[in-house]
């Protein structure tokens, strides 16, 4: 996962300037930094996910096409056999 730059010191200072205590500002800045680093997806993450999904969808499409072709061939063979028998 690509890292995201977050100015926790700047955020801490803004919270203190807004009236938060030092402990509150530090806890809030640390909590937000952890959330951003661990859970936020970047554009690069989304592009990678899109590429993986596209690849998986192409593989699935190929498998489905092959299965449909096999079912069609089997159906034609069954119909041809029934026509000969009747």
Protein backbone atom coordinates (compact mmCIF):
# COMPACT_ATOMS: atom_id res chain seq x y z
CA UNK A 1 0.00 0.00 0.00
CA UNK A 2 1.28 3.44 -0.89
CA UNK A 3 1.80 5.71 2.09
CA UNK A 4 -0.12 8.92 2.56
CA UNK A 5 1.61 11.99 3.96
CA UNK A 6 -0.11 13.39 7.04
CA UNK A 7 1.28 16.32 9.01
CA UNK A 8 0.44 15.11 12.50
CA UNK A 9 2.49 17.88 14.13
CA UNK A 10 0.63 20.55 12.18
CA UNK A 11 -2.68 18.93 13.09
CA UNK A 12 -1.59 18.74 16.73
CA UNK A 13 -0.72 22.44 16.75
CA UNK A 14 -4.04 23.39 15.14
CA UNK A 15 -5.93 21.42 17.79
CA UNK A 16 -3.97 23.12 20.57
CA UNK A 17 -4.66 26.51 19.02
CA UNK A 18 -8.37 25.62 18.93
CA UNK A 19 -8.39 24.99 22.68
CA UNK A 20 -7.64 21.28 23.04
CA UNK A 21 -5.33 20.25 25.86
CA UNK A 22 -1.93 18.87 24.88
CA UNK A 23 -3.00 15.33 25.80
CA UNK A 24 -6.23 15.61 23.82
CA UNK A 25 -4.47 17.05 20.79
CA UNK A 26 -1.75 14.38 20.90
CA UNK A 27 -4.29 11.56 21.22
CA UNK A 28 -6.41 12.94 18.39
CA UNK A 29 -3.41 13.45 16.08
CA UNK A 30 -2.09 9.94 16.77
CA UNK A 31 -5.50 8.34 16.27
CA UNK A 32 -6.06 10.14 12.97
CA UNK A 33 -2.54 9.26 11.75
CA UNK A 34 -3.15 5.58 12.51
CA UNK A 35 -6.46 5.58 10.65
CA UNK A 36 -4.94 7.31 7.63
CA UNK A 37 -1.91 5.00 7.49
CA UNK A 38 -3.76 1.73 8.07
CA UNK A 39 -7.15 2.10 6.45
CA UNK A 40 -7.17 4.80 3.80
CA UNK A 41 -6.76 3.70 0.18
CA UNK A 42 -4.72 5.81 -2.20
CA UNK A 43 -5.36 6.34 -5.91
CA UNK A 44 -2.51 3.91 -6.56
CA UNK A 45 -4.19 1.28 -4.41
CA UNK A 46 -7.41 1.72 -6.36
CA UNK A 47 -5.60 1.46 -9.70
CA UNK A 48 -3.91 -1.78 -8.59
CA UNK A 49 -7.24 -3.18 -7.45
CA UNK A 50 -8.86 -2.21 -10.76
CA UNK A 51 -6.08 -3.97 -12.70
CA UNK A 52 -6.45 -7.14 -10.61
CA UNK A 53 -10.22 -7.13 -11.00
CA UNK A 54 -9.96 -6.55 -14.74
CA UNK A 55 -7.56 -9.47 -15.06
CA UNK A 56 -9.81 -11.75 -13.00
CA UNK A 57 -12.85 -10.74 -15.05
CA UNK A 58 -11.02 -11.55 -18.29
CA UNK A 59 -10.07 -14.99 -16.95
CA UNK A 60 -13.67 -15.60 -15.88
CA UNK A 61 -14.97 -14.48 -19.26
CA UNK A 62 -12.63 -16.91 -21.02
CA UNK A 63 -13.71 -19.81 -18.78
CA UNK A 64 -17.38 -19.01 -19.33
CA UNK A 65 -16.85 -18.80 -23.10
CA UNK A 66 -15.14 -22.20 -23.13
CA UNK A 67 -17.91 -23.79 -21.03
CA UNK A 68 -20.60 -22.28 -23.25
CA UNK A 69 -18.81 -23.58 -26.34
CA UNK A 70 -18.59 -27.06 -24.82
CA UNK A 71 -22.29 -27.01 -23.92
CA UNK A 72 -23.20 -25.84 -27.42
CA UNK A 73 -21.10 -28.60 -29.01
CA UNK A 74 -22.70 -31.20 -26.73
CA UNK A 75 -26.17 -29.91 -27.59
CA UNK A 76 -25.48 -30.10 -31.31
CA UNK A 77 -24.18 -33.65 -30.90
CA UNK A 78 -27.27 -34.68 -28.93
CA UNK A 79 -29.62 -33.12 -31.50
CA UNK A 80 -27.71 -34.78 -34.37
CA UNK A 81 -27.95 -38.15 -32.60
CA UNK A 82 -31.69 -37.73 -31.99
CA UNK A 83 -32.25 -36.77 -35.64
CA UNK A 84 -30.50 -39.95 -36.79
CA UNK A 85 -32.51 -42.09 -34.38
CA UNK A 86 -35.85 -40.66 -35.41
